[in-house]
Amino acid sequence: MSAGNNTRLGVGLMVLTTFVFAMQDGISRHLASEYNVLMVVMIRYWFFAAFVVAIARAKAGGIRAAARTEQMALQIFRGLLLAAEICVMVLAFTILGLVESLAVFTCYPLLVAALSGPILGESVGWRRWAAIGVGFVGVLIILQPGIGVFNPAAVIPLVSAIMFALYALLTRYVARKDTSATSFFWTGVAGAVAMTGVGIWFWEPMAPTDWAWMATLCVTGAFGHWLLIRVYEVAEASAVQPFAYMQLVFGSMLGVTVFNEVIAWNVATGAGIVVAAGLFTLWRERQKG
């Protein structure tokens, strides 16, 4: 199966994906501040795996068809990588908060856009490179020294950004041969097996109210990653990635309104710049079209 090239649909799906991920980040921040990170991610993956298996059984060919792939090692690695990345990022939320963690993490779309050419062989023109460069300037403004972001803990969301960029590129790569159903299946199953192996040792009782939040987290987690897989199927990674910066905007709004975090002027300025870079990239796509 070849990936498509519907940029407008891809952008719309990416913005929706970032909103879902921001809601998920906020719930994760709450739960991981009360319970062990590995347990929280493990329970989320149990629902995720059950969801993907149910979808696979409902479709023609069943689980066997969904699991069929010539890229099993890559698909399993994708699933393990995403599970590990989620654990790292949720840990960052509990240490740095949403605003600062997402401010550091926001460099991942730039990594994907920049590497989509050499790794995936996609066409990245000089204007799009210029937009990526402007986006990096925005990140530098966000991460300026002296506001508390540049402390040792900032390495945690940076590691998460690198891991997620690699996951995104691998998702795009496997989409050339596998359907979104196959990628979705292996993302859920491989992650659930891995997280159960480590998370079960950290089980602790959870309050009824937090079980309700956990249920919401499970739903947003499954839906968000299905959306992300669809994004890379319908559009080039380098075209839609600038809009992944919207997760910073949505997440920061949540951090301020719910968790009483503070957005420094440079975070707001930098976020505006990276969003502008994304809008320029979309305009270029329309011009080419």
C-alpha atoms as a PDB file:
ATOM      1  CA  MET A   1       0.000   0.000   0.000  1.00  0.00           C
ATOM      2  CA  SER A   2       1.385   3.390  -0.943  1.00  0.00           C
ATOM      3  CA  ALA A   3       0.950   6.458   1.202  1.00  0.00           C
ATOM      4  CA  GLY A   4      -1.285   9.199  -0.122  1.00  0.00           C
ATOM      5  CA  ASN A   5      -0.687  12.884  -0.683  1.00  0.00           C
ATOM      6  CA  ASN A   6      -3.803  14.735   0.504  1.00  0.00           C
ATOM      7  CA  THR A   7      -2.179  17.592   2.398  1.00  0.00           C
ATOM      8  CA  ARG A   8      -5.348  19.419   3.434  1.00  0.00           C
ATOM      9  CA  LEU A   9      -6.879  16.275   4.977  1.00  0.00           C
ATOM     10  CA  GLY A  10      -3.546  15.431   6.602  1.00  0.00           C
ATOM     11  CA  VAL A  11      -3.314  18.858   8.228  1.00  0.00           C
ATOM     12  CA  GLY A  12      -6.868  18.665   9.563  1.00  0.00           C
ATOM     13  CA  LEU A  13      -6.210  15.219  11.035  1.00  0.00           C
ATOM     14  CA  MET A  14      -2.936  16.424  12.570  1.00  0.00           C
ATOM     15  CA  VAL A  15      -4.615  19.364  14.354  1.00  0.00           C
ATOM     16  CA  LEU A  16      -7.292  17.023  15.717  1.00  0.00           C
ATOM     17  CA  THR A  17      -4.563  14.579  16.776  1.00  0.00           C
ATOM     18  CA  THR A  18      -2.701  17.274  18.710  1.00  0.00           C
ATOM     19  CA  PHE A  19      -5.868  18.280  20.560  1.00  0.00           C
ATOM     20  CA  VAL A  20      -6.553  14.671  21.583  1.00  0.00           C
ATOM     21  CA  PHE A  21      -2.924  14.235  22.654  1.00  0.00           C
ATOM     22  CA  ALA A  22      -3.059  17.437  24.741  1.00  0.00           C
ATOM     23  CA  MET A  23      -6.133  16.202  26.619  1.00  0.00           C
ATOM     24  CA  GLN A  24      -4.374  12.887  27.116  1.00  0.00           C
ATOM     25  CA  ASP A  25      -1.266  14.692  28.430  1.00  0.00           C
ATOM     26  CA  GLY A  26      -3.302  16.545  31.030  1.00  0.00           C
ATOM     27  CA  ILE A  27      -4.970  13.373  32.312  1.00  0.00           C
ATOM     28  CA  SER A  28      -1.607  11.570  32.361  1.00  0.00           C
ATOM     29  CA  ARG A  29      -0.080  14.413  34.378  1.00  0.00           C
ATOM     30  CA  HIS A  30      -2.825  14.086  36.989  1.00  0.00           C
ATOM     31  CA  LEU A  31      -2.725  10.284  37.286  1.00  0.00           C
ATOM     32  CA  ALA A  32       1.075   9.965  37.252  1.00  0.00           C
ATOM     33  CA  SER A  33       1.348  12.503  40.058  1.00  0.00           C
ATOM     34  CA  GLU A  34      -0.801  10.185  42.213  1.00  0.00           C
ATOM     35  CA  TYR A  35       0.278   6.714  41.021  1.00  0.00           C
ATOM     36  CA  ASN A  36       3.306   4.962  39.512  1.00  0.00           C
ATOM     37  CA  VAL A  37       3.972   5.982  35.911  1.00  0.00           C
ATOM     38  CA  LEU A  38       4.498   2.406  34.715  1.00  0.00           C
ATOM     39  CA  MET A  39       1.172   1.266  36.193  1.00  0.00           C
ATOM     40  CA  VAL A  40      -0.713   4.163  34.600  1.00  0.00           C
ATOM     41  CA  VAL A  41       0.764   3.483  31.151  1.00  0.00           C
ATOM     42  CA  MET A  42       0.225  -0.292  31.541  1.00  0.00           C
ATOM     43  CA  ILE A  43      -3.519   0.058  32.250  1.00  0.00           C
ATOM     44  CA  ARG A  44      -3.863   2.427  29.317  1.00  0.00           C
ATOM     45  CA  TYR A  45      -2.206  -0.143  27.061  1.00  0.00           C
ATOM     46  CA  TRP A  46      -4.527  -2.917  28.253  1.00  0.00           C
ATOM     47  CA  PHE A  47      -7.468  -0.961  26.877  1.00  0.00           C
ATOM     48  CA  PHE A  48      -5.490  -0.025  23.775  1.00  0.00           C
ATOM     49  CA  ALA A  49      -4.691  -3.689  23.014  1.00  0.00           C
ATOM     50  CA  ALA A  50      -8.281  -4.813  23.656  1.00  0.00           C
ATOM     51  CA  PHE A  51      -9.496  -2.047  21.355  1.00  0.00           C
ATOM     52  CA  VAL A  52      -7.189  -2.924  18.451  1.00  0.00           C
ATOM     53  CA  VAL A  53      -7.954  -6.642  18.774  1.00  0.00           C
ATOM     54  CA  ALA A  54     -11.699  -5.924  18.741  1.00  0.00           C
ATOM     55  CA  ILE A  55     -11.332  -3.811  15.610  1.00  0.00           C
ATOM     56  CA  ALA A  56      -9.208  -6.484  13.946  1.00  0.00           C
ATOM     57  CA  ARG A  57     -11.769  -9.210  14.697  1.00  0.00           C
ATOM     58  CA  ALA A  58     -14.578  -7.100  13.239  1.00  0.00           C
ATOM     59  CA  LYS A  59     -12.855  -6.611   9.906  1.00  0.00           C
ATOM     60  CA  ALA A  60     -12.545  -9.024   6.995  1.00  0.00           C
ATOM     61  CA  GLY A  61      -9.837 -11.586   7.629  1.00  0.00           C
ATOM     62  CA  GLY A  62      -9.900 -11.008  11.384  1.00  0.00           C
ATOM     63  CA  ILE A  63      -6.848 -10.874  13.608  1.00  0.00           C
ATOM     64  CA  ARG A  64      -4.755 -12.953  11.225  1.00  0.00           C
ATOM     65  CA  ALA A  65      -5.216 -10.392   8.438  1.00  0.00           C
ATOM     66  CA  ALA A  66      -4.497  -7.441  10.747  1.00  0.00           C
ATOM     67  CA  ALA A  67      -1.340  -9.064  12.094  1.00  0.00           C
ATOM     68  CA  ARG A  68      -0.028 -10.061   8.665  1.00  0.00           C
ATOM     69  CA  THR A  69       3.071  -8.058   7.759  1.00  0.00           C
ATOM     70  CA  GLU A  70       6.392  -8.502   5.997  1.00  0.00           C
ATOM     71  CA  GLN A  71       7.857  -5.955   8.437  1.00  0.00           C
ATOM     72  CA  MET A  72       7.129  -7.657  11.762  1.00  0.00           C
ATOM     73  CA  ALA A  73      10.417  -6.668  13.405  1.00  0.00           C
ATOM     74  CA  LEU A  74       9.843  -3.009  12.478  1.00  0.00           C
ATOM     75  CA  GLN A  75       6.220  -3.111  13.613  1.00  0.00           C
ATOM     76  CA  ILE A  76       7.130  -4.623  16.992  1.00  0.00           C
ATOM     77  CA  PHE A  77       9.968  -2.136  17.416  1.00  0.00           C
ATOM     78  CA  ARG A  78       7.526   0.721  16.682  1.00  0.00           C
ATOM     79  CA  GLY A  79       5.201  -0.549  19.401  1.00  0.00           C
ATOM     80  CA  LEU A  80       7.985  -0.911  21.968  1.00  0.00           C
ATOM     81  CA  LEU A  81       9.424   2.493  21.081  1.00  0.00           C
ATOM     82  CA  LEU A  82       6.090   4.257  21.533  1.00  0.00           C
ATOM     83  CA  ALA A  83       5.436   2.557  24.887  1.00  0.00           C
ATOM     84  CA  ALA A  84       8.857   3.608  26.171  1.00  0.00           C
ATOM     85  CA  GLU A  85       8.392   7.154  24.835  1.00  0.00           C
ATOM     86  CA  ILE A  86       5.047   7.524  26.613  1.00  0.00           C
ATOM     87  CA  CYS A  87       6.616   6.456  29.924  1.00  0.00           C
ATOM     88  CA  VAL A  88       9.449   8.967  29.506  1.00  0.00           C
ATOM     89  CA  MET A  89       7.117  11.846  28.609  1.00  0.00           C
ATOM     90  CA  VAL A  90       4.624  11.165  31.412  1.00  0.00           C
ATOM     91  CA  LEU A  91       7.542  11.170  33.844  1.00  0.00           C
ATOM     92  CA  ALA A  92       8.532  14.580  32.456  1.00  0.00           C
ATOM     93  CA  PHE A  93       5.002  15.907  33.102  1.00  0.00           C
ATOM     94  CA  THR A  94       5.287  14.989  36.785  1.00  0.00           C
ATOM     95  CA  ILE A  95       8.695  16.710  37.118  1.00  0.00           C
ATOM     96  CA  LEU A  96       8.507  19.751  34.807  1.00  0.00           C
ATOM     97  CA  GLY A  97       4.755  20.206  34.283  1.00  0.00           C
ATOM     98  CA  LEU A  98       2.865  20.392  30.976  1.00  0.00           C
ATOM     99  CA  VAL A  99       4.059  23.782  29.721  1.00  0.00           C
ATOM    100  CA  GLU A 100       7.806  23.248  30.131  1.00  0.00           C
ATOM    101  CA  SER A 101       7.723  19.580  29.047  1.00  0.00           C
ATOM    102  CA  LEU A 102       5.805  20.367  25.864  1.00  0.00           C
ATOM    103  CA  ALA A 103       8.029  23.387  25.196  1.00  0.00           C
ATOM    104  CA  VAL A 104      11.030  21.056  25.032  1.00  0.00           C
ATOM    105  CA  PHE A 105       9.118  18.259  23.274  1.00  0.00           C
ATOM    106  CA  THR A 106       7.974  20.642  20.531  1.00  0.00           C
ATOM    107  CA  CYS A 107      11.246  20.100  18.675  1.00  0.00           C
ATOM    108  CA  TYR A 108      10.129  16.617  17.561  1.00  0.00           C
ATOM    109  CA  PRO A 109       8.117  17.774  14.505  1.00  0.00           C
ATOM    110  CA  LEU A 110      11.199  19.639  13.279  1.00  0.00           C
ATOM    111  CA  LEU A 111      13.216  16.441  13.603  1.00  0.00           C
ATOM    112  CA  VAL A 112      10.624  14.536  11.574  1.00  0.00           C
ATOM    113  CA  ALA A 113      10.319  17.185   8.866  1.00  0.00           C
ATOM    114  CA  ALA A 114      14.078  17.527   8.528  1.00  0.00           C
ATOM    115  CA  LEU A 115      14.668  13.762   8.378  1.00  0.00           C
ATOM    116  CA  SER A 116      11.745  12.906   6.091  1.00  0.00           C
ATOM    117  CA  GLY A 117      13.946  13.674   3.085  1.00  0.00           C
ATOM    118  CA  PRO A 118      17.079  11.625   3.844  1.00  0.00           C
ATOM    119  CA  ILE A 119      15.261   8.766   5.612  1.00  0.00           C
ATOM    120  CA  LEU A 120      11.982   8.494   3.688  1.00  0.00           C
ATOM    121  CA  GLY A 121      13.096   9.980   0.382  1.00  0.00           C
ATOM    122  CA  GLU A 122      10.346  12.622   0.385  1.00  0.00           C
ATOM    123  CA  SER A 123      10.775  15.877  -1.489  1.00  0.00           C
ATOM    124  CA  VAL A 124      11.659  18.812   0.776  1.00  0.00           C
ATOM    125  CA  GLY A 125      12.171  22.058  -1.147  1.00  0.00           C
ATOM    126  CA  TRP A 126      14.226  25.033  -0.015  1.00  0.00           C
ATOM    127  CA  ARG A 127      11.149  27.001   1.052  1.00  0.00           C
ATOM    128  CA  ARG A 128      10.056  24.183   3.330  1.00  0.00           C
ATOM    129  CA  TRP A 129      13.604  23.944   4.692  1.00  0.00           C
ATOM    130  CA  ALA A 130      13.373  27.668   5.383  1.00  0.00           C
ATOM    131  CA  ALA A 131      10.111  27.110   7.291  1.00  0.00           C
ATOM    132  CA  ILE A 132      11.785  24.342   9.312  1.00  0.00           C
ATOM    133  CA  GLY A 133      14.631  26.731  10.080  1.00  0.00           C
ATOM    134  CA  VAL A 134      12.200  29.409  11.255  1.00  0.00           C
ATOM    135  CA  GLY A 135      10.563  26.782  13.433  1.00  0.00           C
ATOM    136  CA  PHE A 136      13.918  26.012  15.024  1.00  0.00           C
ATOM    137  CA  VAL A 137      14.316  29.715  15.805  1.00  0.00           C
ATOM    138  CA  GLY A 138      10.970  29.520  17.588  1.00  0.00           C
ATOM    139  CA  VAL A 139      12.204  26.544  19.614  1.00  0.00           C
ATOM    140  CA  LEU A 140      15.355  28.461  20.590  1.00  0.00           C
ATOM    141  CA  ILE A 141      13.181  31.325  21.804  1.00  0.00           C
ATOM    142  CA  ILE A 142      11.110  28.879  23.872  1.00  0.00           C
ATOM    143  CA  LEU A 143      14.217  27.267  25.361  1.00  0.00           C
ATOM    144  CA  GLN A 144      16.208  30.397  26.135  1.00  0.00           C
ATOM    145  CA  PRO A 145      18.369  29.967  29.247  1.00  0.00           C
ATOM    146  CA  GLY A 146      17.303  31.538  32.494  1.00  0.00           C
ATOM    147  CA  ILE A 147      13.613  30.579  32.740  1.00  0.00           C
ATOM    148  CA  GLY A 148      14.040  27.186  34.358  1.00  0.00           C
ATOM    149  CA  VAL A 149      13.651  25.026  31.250  1.00  0.00           C
ATOM    150  CA  PHE A 150      17.376  24.420  30.919  1.00  0.00           C
ATOM    151  CA  ASN A 151      17.861  22.216  33.948  1.00  0.00           C
ATOM    152  CA  PRO A 152      18.864  18.534  34.031  1.00  0.00           C
ATOM    153  CA  ALA A 153      15.212  17.468  33.956  1.00  0.00           C
ATOM    154  CA  ALA A 154      14.852  19.101  30.511  1.00  0.00           C
ATOM    155  CA  VAL A 155      16.784  16.121  29.123  1.00  0.00           C
ATOM    156  CA  ILE A 156      13.772  13.886  29.881  1.00  0.00           C
ATOM    157  CA  PRO A 157      11.305  15.445  27.373  1.00  0.00           C
ATOM    158  CA  LEU A 158      14.185  15.895  24.900  1.00  0.00           C
ATOM    159  CA  VAL A 159      14.801  12.139  24.938  1.00  0.00           C
ATOM    160  CA  SER A 160      11.050  11.669  24.508  1.00  0.00           C
ATOM    161  CA  ALA A 161      11.071  13.991  21.459  1.00  0.00           C
ATOM    162  CA  ILE A 162      13.847  12.004  19.785  1.00  0.00           C
ATOM    163  CA  MET A 163      12.026   8.722  20.450  1.00  0.00           C
ATOM    164  CA  PHE A 164       8.713  10.051  19.124  1.00  0.00           C
ATOM    165  CA  ALA A 165      10.320  11.485  15.985  1.00  0.00           C
ATOM    166  CA  LEU A 166      11.762   8.052  15.228  1.00  0.00           C
ATOM    167  CA  TYR A 167       8.380   6.431  15.897  1.00  0.00           C
ATOM    168  CA  ALA A 168       6.701   8.897  13.513  1.00  0.00           C
ATOM    169  CA  LEU A 169       9.219   8.206  10.749  1.00  0.00           C
ATOM    170  CA  LEU A 170       8.876   4.438  11.191  1.00  0.00           C
ATOM    171  CA  THR A 171       5.077   4.793  11.060  1.00  0.00           C
ATOM    172  CA  ARG A 172       5.381   6.564   7.726  1.00  0.00           C
ATOM    173  CA  TYR A 173       7.866   3.966   6.477  1.00  0.00           C
ATOM    174  CA  VAL A 174       5.785   0.882   7.300  1.00  0.00           C
ATOM    175  CA  ALA A 175       2.680   2.553   5.777  1.00  0.00           C
ATOM    176  CA  ARG A 176       4.244   1.955   2.357  1.00  0.00           C
ATOM    177  CA  LYS A 177       3.513  -1.776   2.669  1.00  0.00           C
ATOM    178  CA  ASP A 178       1.108  -2.201   5.602  1.00  0.00           C
ATOM    179  CA  THR A 179      -2.394  -0.850   6.172  1.00  0.00           C
ATOM    180  CA  SER A 180      -3.253   1.436   9.069  1.00  0.00           C
ATOM    181  CA  ALA A 181      -5.103  -1.524  10.632  1.00  0.00           C
ATOM    182  CA  THR A 182      -1.877  -3.554  10.704  1.00  0.00           C
ATOM    183  CA  SER A 183       0.174  -0.693  12.166  1.00  0.00           C
ATOM    184  CA  PHE A 184      -2.551  -0.011  14.723  1.00  0.00           C
ATOM    185  CA  PHE A 185      -2.679  -3.685  15.716  1.00  0.00           C
ATOM    186  CA  TRP A 186       1.044  -3.998  16.331  1.00  0.00           C
ATOM    187  CA  THR A 187       1.244  -0.626  18.101  1.00  0.00           C
ATOM    188  CA  GLY A 188      -1.318  -1.794  20.660  1.00  0.00           C
ATOM    189  CA  VAL A 189      -0.303  -5.427  21.091  1.00  0.00           C
ATOM    190  CA  ALA A 190       3.476  -4.982  21.266  1.00  0.00           C
ATOM    191  CA  GLY A 191       3.130  -2.047  23.658  1.00  0.00           C
ATOM    192  CA  ALA A 192       0.679  -3.894  25.918  1.00  0.00           C
ATOM    193  CA  VAL A 193       2.884  -6.982  26.224  1.00  0.00           C
ATOM    194  CA  ALA A 194       5.950  -4.872  27.048  1.00  0.00           C
ATOM    195  CA  MET A 195       4.170  -2.614  29.559  1.00  0.00           C
ATOM    196  CA  THR A 196       2.542  -5.561  31.339  1.00  0.00           C
ATOM    197  CA  GLY A 197       5.951  -7.149  31.779  1.00  0.00           C
ATOM    198  CA  VAL A 198       7.273  -4.116  33.658  1.00  0.00           C
ATOM    199  CA  GLY A 199       4.171  -2.341  34.995  1.00  0.00           C
ATOM    200  CA  ILE A 200       2.525  -5.236  36.822  1.00  0.00           C
ATOM    201  CA  TRP A 201       5.237  -5.042  39.507  1.00  0.00           C
ATOM    202  CA  PHE A 202       4.144  -1.506  40.438  1.00  0.00           C
ATOM    203  CA  TRP A 203       0.416  -2.085  40.954  1.00  0.00           C
ATOM    204  CA  GLU A 204      -1.319   0.029  43.607  1.00  0.00           C
ATOM    205  CA  PRO A 205      -4.990   0.713  44.508  1.00  0.00           C
ATOM    206  CA  MET A 206      -6.711   3.530  42.621  1.00  0.00           C
ATOM    207  CA  ALA A 207      -9.537   5.802  43.801  1.00  0.00           C
ATOM    208  CA  PRO A 208     -12.932   5.462  42.002  1.00  0.00           C
ATOM    209  CA  THR A 209     -12.688   9.010  40.612  1.00  0.00           C
ATOM    210  CA  ASP A 210      -9.269   8.287  39.166  1.00  0.00           C
ATOM    211  CA  TRP A 211     -10.587   5.115  37.530  1.00  0.00           C
ATOM    212  CA  ALA A 212     -12.961   7.402  35.627  1.00  0.00           C
ATOM    213  CA  TRP A 213     -10.011   9.533  34.543  1.00  0.00           C
ATOM    214  CA  MET A 214      -8.131   6.372  33.596  1.00  0.00           C
ATOM    215  CA  ALA A 215     -11.041   5.277  31.392  1.00  0.00           C
ATOM    216  CA  THR A 216     -10.948   8.660  29.641  1.00  0.00           C
ATOM    217  CA  LEU A 217      -7.185   8.358  29.211  1.00  0.00           C
ATOM    218  CA  CYS A 218      -7.593   4.931  27.609  1.00  0.00           C
ATOM    219  CA  VAL A 219     -10.108   6.237  25.064  1.00  0.00           C
ATOM    220  CA  THR A 220      -8.052   9.300  24.106  1.00  0.00           C
ATOM    221  CA  GLY A 221      -4.887   7.197  23.871  1.00  0.00           C
ATOM    222  CA  ALA A 222      -6.353   4.712  21.410  1.00  0.00           C
ATOM    223  CA  PHE A 223      -8.110   7.377  19.347  1.00  0.00           C
ATOM    224  CA  GLY A 224      -5.083   9.673  19.204  1.00  0.00           C
ATOM    225  CA  HIS A 225      -2.678   7.070  17.887  1.00  0.00           C
ATOM    226  CA  TRP A 226      -5.161   5.793  15.326  1.00  0.00           C
ATOM    227  CA  LEU A 227      -5.473   9.385  14.080  1.00  0.00           C
ATOM    228  CA  LEU A 228      -1.688   9.712  13.886  1.00  0.00           C
ATOM    229  CA  ILE A 229      -1.381   6.577  11.761  1.00  0.00           C
ATOM    230  CA  ARG A 230      -4.046   7.969   9.407  1.00  0.00           C
ATOM    231  CA  VAL A 231      -2.172  11.280   9.159  1.00  0.00           C
ATOM    232  CA  TYR A 232       0.938   9.605   7.774  1.00  0.00           C
ATOM    233  CA  GLU A 233      -1.113   7.527   5.354  1.00  0.00           C
ATOM    234  CA  VAL A 234      -2.801  10.471   3.659  1.00  0.00           C
ATOM    235  CA  ALA A 235      -0.046  13.113   3.549  1.00  0.00           C
ATOM    236  CA  GLU A 236       3.712  13.600   3.418  1.00  0.00           C
ATOM    237  CA  ALA A 237       5.301  13.812   6.854  1.00  0.00           C
ATOM    238  CA  SER A 238       7.201  16.999   5.988  1.00  0.00           C
ATOM    239  CA  ALA A 239       3.955  18.742   4.961  1.00  0.00           C
ATOM    240  CA  VAL A 240       1.864  17.978   8.056  1.00  0.00           C
ATOM    241  CA  GLN A 241       4.510  17.945  10.789  1.00  0.00           C
ATOM    242  CA  PRO A 242       4.594  21.740  11.340  1.00  0.00           C
ATOM    243  CA  PHE A 243       1.012  21.513  12.592  1.00  0.00           C
ATOM    244  CA  ALA A 244       2.021  19.100  15.324  1.00  0.00           C
ATOM    245  CA  TYR A 245       3.167  22.264  17.148  1.00  0.00           C
ATOM    246  CA  MET A 246      -0.488  22.823  18.017  1.00  0.00           C
ATOM    247  CA  GLN A 247      -0.011  20.271  20.792  1.00  0.00           C
ATOM    248  CA  LEU A 248       2.118  22.877  22.577  1.00  0.00           C
ATOM    249  CA  VAL A 249      -0.664  25.445  22.281  1.00  0.00           C
ATOM    250  CA  PHE A 250      -3.438  23.120  23.464  1.00  0.00           C
ATOM    251  CA  GLY A 251      -1.277  21.589  26.203  1.00  0.00           C
ATOM    252  CA  SER A 252      -0.130  24.976  27.497  1.00  0.00           C
ATOM    253  CA  MET A 253      -3.723  26.190  27.698  1.00  0.00           C
ATOM    254  CA  LEU A 254      -4.548  23.109  29.743  1.00  0.00           C
ATOM    255  CA  GLY A 255      -1.499  23.592  31.976  1.00  0.00           C
ATOM    256  CA  VAL A 256      -2.497  27.173  32.762  1.00  0.00           C
ATOM    257  CA  THR A 257      -6.237  26.675  33.257  1.00  0.00           C
ATOM    258  CA  VAL A 258      -6.198  23.341  35.113  1.00  0.00           C
ATOM    259  CA  PHE A 259      -2.781  23.022  36.760  1.00  0.00           C
ATOM    260  CA  ASN A 260      -2.082  26.719  37.414  1.00  0.00           C
ATOM    261  CA  GLU A 261       1.154  26.679  35.438  1.00  0.00           C
ATOM    262  CA  VAL A 262       2.664  29.861  34.000  1.00  0.00           C
ATOM    263  CA  ILE A 263       3.519  30.565  30.348  1.00  0.00           C
ATOM    264  CA  ALA A 264       6.563  32.817  30.016  1.00  0.00           C
ATOM    265  CA  TRP A 265       6.554  35.438  27.243  1.00  0.00           C
ATOM    266  CA  ASN A 266       9.202  33.531  25.293  1.00  0.00           C
ATOM    267  CA  VAL A 267       7.097  30.343  25.269  1.00  0.00           C
ATOM    268  CA  ALA A 268       4.148  32.228  23.799  1.00  0.00           C
ATOM    269  CA  THR A 269       6.375  34.012  21.254  1.00  0.00           C
ATOM    270  CA  GLY A 270       8.148  30.835  20.216  1.00  0.00           C
ATOM    271  CA  ALA A 271       4.879  28.936  19.874  1.00  0.00           C
ATOM    272  CA  GLY A 272       3.549  31.678  17.605  1.00  0.00           C
ATOM    273  CA  ILE A 273       6.617  31.419  15.392  1.00  0.00           C
ATOM    274  CA  VAL A 274       6.439  27.644  14.972  1.00  0.00           C
ATOM    275  CA  VAL A 275       2.722  27.802  14.155  1.00  0.00           C
ATOM    276  CA  ALA A 276       3.446  30.518  11.585  1.00  0.00           C
ATOM    277  CA  ALA A 277       6.114  28.279  10.046  1.00  0.00           C
ATOM    278  CA  GLY A 278       3.507  25.539   9.744  1.00  0.00           C
ATOM    279  CA  LEU A 279       1.015  27.842   8.078  1.00  0.00           C
ATOM    280  CA  PHE A 280       3.674  28.887   5.565  1.00  0.00           C
ATOM    281  CA  THR A 281       4.340  25.231   4.755  1.00  0.00           C
ATOM    282  CA  LEU A 282       0.639  24.636   4.057  1.00  0.00           C
ATOM    283  CA  TRP A 283       0.526  27.737   1.832  1.00  0.00           C
ATOM    284  CA  ARG A 284       3.482  26.390  -0.150  1.00  0.00           C
ATOM    285  CA  GLU A 285       1.695  23.070  -0.629  1.00  0.00           C
ATOM    286  CA  ARG A 286      -1.365  24.851  -1.961  1.00  0.00           C
ATOM    287  CA  GLN A 287       0.787  26.924  -4.327  1.00  0.00           C
ATOM    288  CA  LYS A 288       2.409  23.769  -5.673  1.00  0.00           C
ATOM    289  CA  GLY A 289      -1.029  22.140  -6.017  1.00  0.00           C
END
